């Protein structure tokens, strides 16, 4: 579904990405893990064609209308209600209002449908942004830090929803710095540090390989061992 080869990106004299390679198979949850500044958002911007790489390729085997995006900028209209925000996109895809109501219920916002986005908590805004991304049942979801700064209960609910969407046929590519969450959620992960992928694979396999299963969170121990950097 996604193929990245030898990706390089520089801003002036600063190298942001260097020799990045990975692939995302159809119907899997794949995460780029790393601290702020590692290059995760730059990769998403390249995949979504907001930024051009200096060298390398980034191929996405899905048409624009088959991709759902949840980016750090949010993109919600603060003075519109939840149902009004989604209705704007529903009209673009000729979806009935029933689909809007169904999607709000899926992310746990049915009771807040008439609230303005500006009146929502951070967690509720995250869920509304996710609702917009999944509204038209896209083949591919690209999510930038989908559970960032959320309380554990809200984050757990979003992770369960993502697994359900994967089971129903979606491919999910996300970025996060939450290693413990990625261990439970993802089929495969790539650890990104200073613009380079230091290792890649199934989370539990990486933990076994680096003897991190007796520490918590396990993937954070792997990252520390490979980079010398604590998250």
Protein backbone atom coordinates (compact mmCIF):
# COMPACT_ATOMS: atom_id res chain seq x y z
CA UNK A 1 0.00 0.00 0.00
CA UNK A 2 2.93 2.34 0.79
CA UNK A 3 6.50 2.04 -0.53
CA UNK A 4 9.28 4.39 0.53
CA UNK A 5 12.81 4.05 -0.87
CA UNK A 6 15.95 6.05 -0.02
CA UNK A 7 13.97 9.08 1.09
CA UNK A 8 16.05 12.20 1.72
CA UNK A 9 14.90 15.63 2.82
CA UNK A 10 16.93 18.70 3.77
CA UNK A 11 15.91 22.18 4.88
CA UNK A 12 18.76 24.56 4.12
CA UNK A 13 21.80 22.95 5.78
CA UNK A 14 19.79 20.64 8.08
CA UNK A 15 19.15 17.02 7.07
CA UNK A 16 15.68 15.97 8.23
CA UNK A 17 15.48 12.54 6.55
CA UNK A 18 18.36 10.36 5.42
CA UNK A 19 18.03 7.08 3.52
CA UNK A 20 14.57 6.17 4.84
CA UNK A 21 13.17 2.85 3.56
CA UNK A 22 9.99 1.01 4.56
CA UNK A 23 6.87 -0.62 3.13
CA UNK A 24 3.33 -0.88 4.48
CA UNK A 25 1.31 -3.89 3.40
CA UNK A 26 -2.40 -3.82 2.73
CA UNK A 27 -4.60 -4.22 5.81
CA UNK A 28 -1.97 -3.74 8.49
CA UNK A 29 -1.32 -1.15 11.18
CA UNK A 30 2.17 0.29 10.74
CA UNK A 31 3.67 2.97 12.97
CA UNK A 32 6.66 5.27 12.77
CA UNK A 33 7.90 5.69 16.32
CA UNK A 34 10.22 8.37 17.57
CA UNK A 35 10.54 11.56 19.62
CA UNK A 36 9.55 15.02 18.48
CA UNK A 37 11.89 16.20 15.73
CA UNK A 38 12.73 12.69 14.50
CA UNK A 39 11.18 13.34 11.08
CA UNK A 40 7.82 11.60 11.46
CA UNK A 41 5.65 14.53 10.35
CA UNK A 42 7.95 15.26 7.41
CA UNK A 43 7.38 11.71 6.14
CA UNK A 44 3.61 12.18 6.43
CA UNK A 45 3.86 15.48 4.56
CA UNK A 46 5.75 13.72 1.77
CA UNK A 47 3.25 10.86 1.60
CA UNK A 48 0.36 13.34 1.38
CA UNK A 49 2.17 15.42 -1.29
CA UNK A 50 2.41 18.50 0.88
CA UNK A 51 6.22 18.33 0.70
CA UNK A 52 8.51 17.07 -2.06
CA UNK A 53 11.52 14.92 -1.11
CA UNK A 54 14.97 15.92 -2.32
CA UNK A 55 15.68 12.35 -3.44
CA UNK A 56 14.02 8.95 -3.21
CA UNK A 57 10.47 7.79 -3.87
CA UNK A 58 7.29 7.65 -1.81
CA UNK A 59 4.53 5.65 -3.51
CA UNK A 60 0.97 5.31 -2.19
CA UNK A 61 -1.24 2.72 -3.88
CA UNK A 62 -4.49 4.57 -3.24
CA UNK A 63 -6.25 7.41 -4.99
CA UNK A 64 -6.74 10.69 -3.15
CA UNK A 65 -10.40 9.96 -2.49
CA UNK A 66 -9.44 6.61 -0.93
CA UNK A 67 -7.21 8.18 1.76
CA UNK A 68 -8.41 9.45 5.12
CA UNK A 69 -6.16 11.98 6.86
CA UNK A 70 -5.85 12.98 10.49
CA UNK A 71 -3.07 15.54 10.67
CA UNK A 72 -1.63 17.51 13.55
CA UNK A 73 -3.26 20.72 12.32
CA UNK A 74 -6.72 19.25 12.91
CA UNK A 75 -8.52 21.02 10.06
CA UNK A 76 -11.82 21.36 11.92
CA UNK A 77 -14.07 24.42 11.78
CA UNK A 78 -14.28 25.61 15.41
CA UNK A 79 -17.57 27.50 15.11
CA UNK A 80 -19.41 24.61 13.46
CA UNK A 81 -20.96 21.77 15.39
CA UNK A 82 -19.70 18.21 15.17
CA UNK A 83 -22.49 17.22 12.80
CA UNK A 84 -21.95 20.36 10.68
CA UNK A 85 -18.20 19.69 10.42
CA UNK A 86 -18.80 16.17 9.12
CA UNK A 87 -21.72 17.20 6.92
CA UNK A 88 -19.41 19.43 4.88
CA UNK A 89 -17.35 16.39 3.92
CA UNK A 90 -20.39 14.16 3.56
CA UNK A 91 -21.72 16.44 0.82
CA UNK A 92 -18.42 16.16 -1.07
CA UNK A 93 -18.75 12.37 -1.12
CA UNK A 94 -22.54 12.34 -1.54
CA UNK A 95 -23.04 10.58 1.78
CA UNK A 96 -26.39 10.68 3.62
CA UNK A 97 -26.77 12.40 6.99
CA UNK A 98 -27.28 8.95 8.48
CA UNK A 99 -23.62 8.19 7.72
CA UNK A 100 -22.59 11.32 9.63
CA UNK A 101 -24.65 10.26 12.63
CA UNK A 102 -23.30 6.71 12.44
CA UNK A 103 -19.69 7.93 12.36
CA UNK A 104 -20.18 10.28 15.31
CA UNK A 105 -21.62 7.36 17.26
CA UNK A 106 -18.64 5.20 16.27
CA UNK A 107 -16.19 7.66 17.87
CA UNK A 108 -18.41 8.26 20.91
CA UNK A 109 -19.67 11.74 19.98
CA UNK A 110 -23.36 11.05 19.39
CA UNK A 111 -24.35 12.97 22.52
CA UNK A 112 -22.20 15.94 21.48
CA UNK A 113 -23.32 16.12 17.86
CA UNK A 114 -24.71 19.66 18.20
CA UNK A 115 -21.77 21.08 20.17
CA UNK A 116 -19.41 23.46 18.42
CA UNK A 117 -15.91 22.07 17.90
CA UNK A 118 -14.58 25.00 19.98
CA UNK A 119 -16.59 23.72 22.96
CA UNK A 120 -15.08 20.24 22.87
CA UNK A 121 -12.28 18.95 25.05
CA UNK A 122 -8.92 18.04 23.49
CA UNK A 123 -9.88 14.37 23.49
CA UNK A 124 -13.25 15.02 21.88
CA UNK A 125 -11.61 17.16 19.20
CA UNK A 126 -9.24 14.26 18.46
CA UNK A 127 -12.21 11.94 18.09
CA UNK A 128 -13.97 14.41 15.78
CA UNK A 129 -10.85 14.66 13.61
CA UNK A 130 -10.73 10.86 13.45
CA UNK A 131 -14.43 10.76 12.57
CA UNK A 132 -13.76 13.06 9.62
CA UNK A 133 -10.91 10.78 8.49
CA UNK A 134 -13.01 7.59 8.56
CA UNK A 135 -16.29 9.13 7.38
CA UNK A 136 -16.17 7.72 3.84
CA UNK A 137 -14.58 4.35 4.74
CA UNK A 138 -11.17 5.02 3.10
CA UNK A 139 -8.82 2.22 2.05
CA UNK A 140 -5.88 3.96 3.71
CA UNK A 141 -5.74 6.02 6.90
CA UNK A 142 -2.75 8.30 7.52
CA UNK A 143 -2.78 9.53 11.11
CA UNK A 144 -0.31 11.92 12.72
CA UNK A 145 -0.12 11.31 16.50
CA UNK A 146 -3.79 10.23 16.76
CA UNK A 147 -3.70 9.78 20.56
CA UNK A 148 -1.28 12.58 21.45
CA UNK A 149 -1.97 14.14 24.88
CA UNK A 150 -5.16 12.13 25.38
CA UNK A 151 -6.21 10.55 28.65
CA UNK A 152 -5.64 6.77 28.81
CA UNK A 153 -9.32 5.90 28.46
CA UNK A 154 -9.84 8.00 25.33
CA UNK A 155 -6.58 6.74 23.81
CA UNK A 156 -7.58 3.14 24.47
CA UNK A 157 -10.93 3.70 22.74
CA UNK A 158 -9.23 5.16 19.65
CA UNK A 159 -6.79 2.24 19.49
CA UNK A 160 -9.64 -0.27 19.68
CA UNK A 161 -11.42 1.56 16.87
CA UNK A 162 -8.29 1.49 14.69
CA UNK A 163 -7.94 -2.26 15.19
CA UNK A 164 -11.58 -2.70 14.23
CA UNK A 165 -11.08 -0.65 11.06
CA UNK A 166 -8.02 -2.77 10.19
CA UNK A 167 -10.06 -5.94 10.68
CA UNK A 168 -12.68 -4.51 8.31
CA UNK A 169 -10.08 -3.99 5.57
CA UNK A 170 -8.40 -0.62 6.13
CA UNK A 171 -4.65 -0.06 6.03
CA UNK A 172 -3.44 2.28 8.77
CA UNK A 173 -0.20 4.26 8.81
CA UNK A 174 0.40 6.35 11.90
CA UNK A 175 3.09 8.23 13.79
CA UNK A 176 3.47 8.19 17.56
CA UNK A 177 5.99 8.55 20.35
CA UNK A 178 3.95 6.27 22.64
CA UNK A 179 5.97 3.06 22.59
CA UNK A 180 3.73 1.10 24.97
CA UNK A 181 0.66 1.89 22.87
CA UNK A 182 2.41 0.86 19.67
CA UNK A 183 3.40 -2.47 21.22
CA UNK A 184 -0.26 -3.32 21.80
CA UNK A 185 -1.72 -1.75 18.65
CA UNK A 186 0.58 -2.28 15.68
CA UNK A 187 1.38 -5.17 13.37
CA UNK A 188 4.77 -3.63 12.55
CA UNK A 189 6.76 -0.59 13.61
CA UNK A 190 9.82 1.36 12.49
CA UNK A 191 11.88 3.27 15.04
CA UNK A 192 12.95 6.65 13.67
CA UNK A 193 15.82 8.66 15.19
CA UNK A 194 17.30 11.85 13.75
CA UNK A 195 15.82 11.17 10.33
CA UNK A 196 17.01 7.55 10.07
CA UNK A 197 15.22 4.25 10.71
CA UNK A 198 17.27 2.35 13.28
CA UNK A 199 15.21 -0.86 13.23
CA UNK A 200 11.91 -2.22 11.91
CA UNK A 201 9.69 -5.23 12.53
CA UNK A 202 6.86 -6.70 14.59
CA UNK A 203 6.85 -5.03 18.03
CA UNK A 204 7.11 -8.18 20.13
CA UNK A 205 9.82 -9.61 17.86
CA UNK A 206 11.89 -6.44 18.30
CA UNK A 207 11.47 -6.65 22.06
CA UNK A 208 12.57 -10.30 22.12
CA UNK A 209 15.52 -9.54 19.83
CA UNK A 210 16.74 -6.80 22.13
CA UNK A 211 15.77 -8.56 25.38
CA UNK A 212 13.40 -5.82 26.42
CA UNK A 213 10.35 -7.86 27.37
CA UNK A 214 11.06 -7.61 31.10
CA UNK A 215 11.00 -3.83 31.09
CA UNK A 216 8.11 -1.40 30.74
CA UNK A 217 7.36 -0.01 28.27
CA UNK A 218 9.23 -2.56 26.17
CA UNK A 219 9.66 -0.64 22.90
CA UNK A 220 10.95 2.37 24.79
CA UNK A 221 13.72 0.16 26.17
CA UNK A 222 14.56 -0.97 22.62
CA UNK A 223 14.73 2.65 21.44
CA UNK A 224 17.00 3.60 24.35
CA UNK A 225 19.29 0.65 23.66
CA UNK A 226 19.63 1.45 19.94
CA UNK A 227 19.89 5.24 20.10
CA UNK A 228 21.02 6.12 23.61
CA UNK A 229 18.04 8.49 23.80
CA UNK A 230 15.26 8.15 26.39
CA UNK A 231 11.75 9.15 25.37
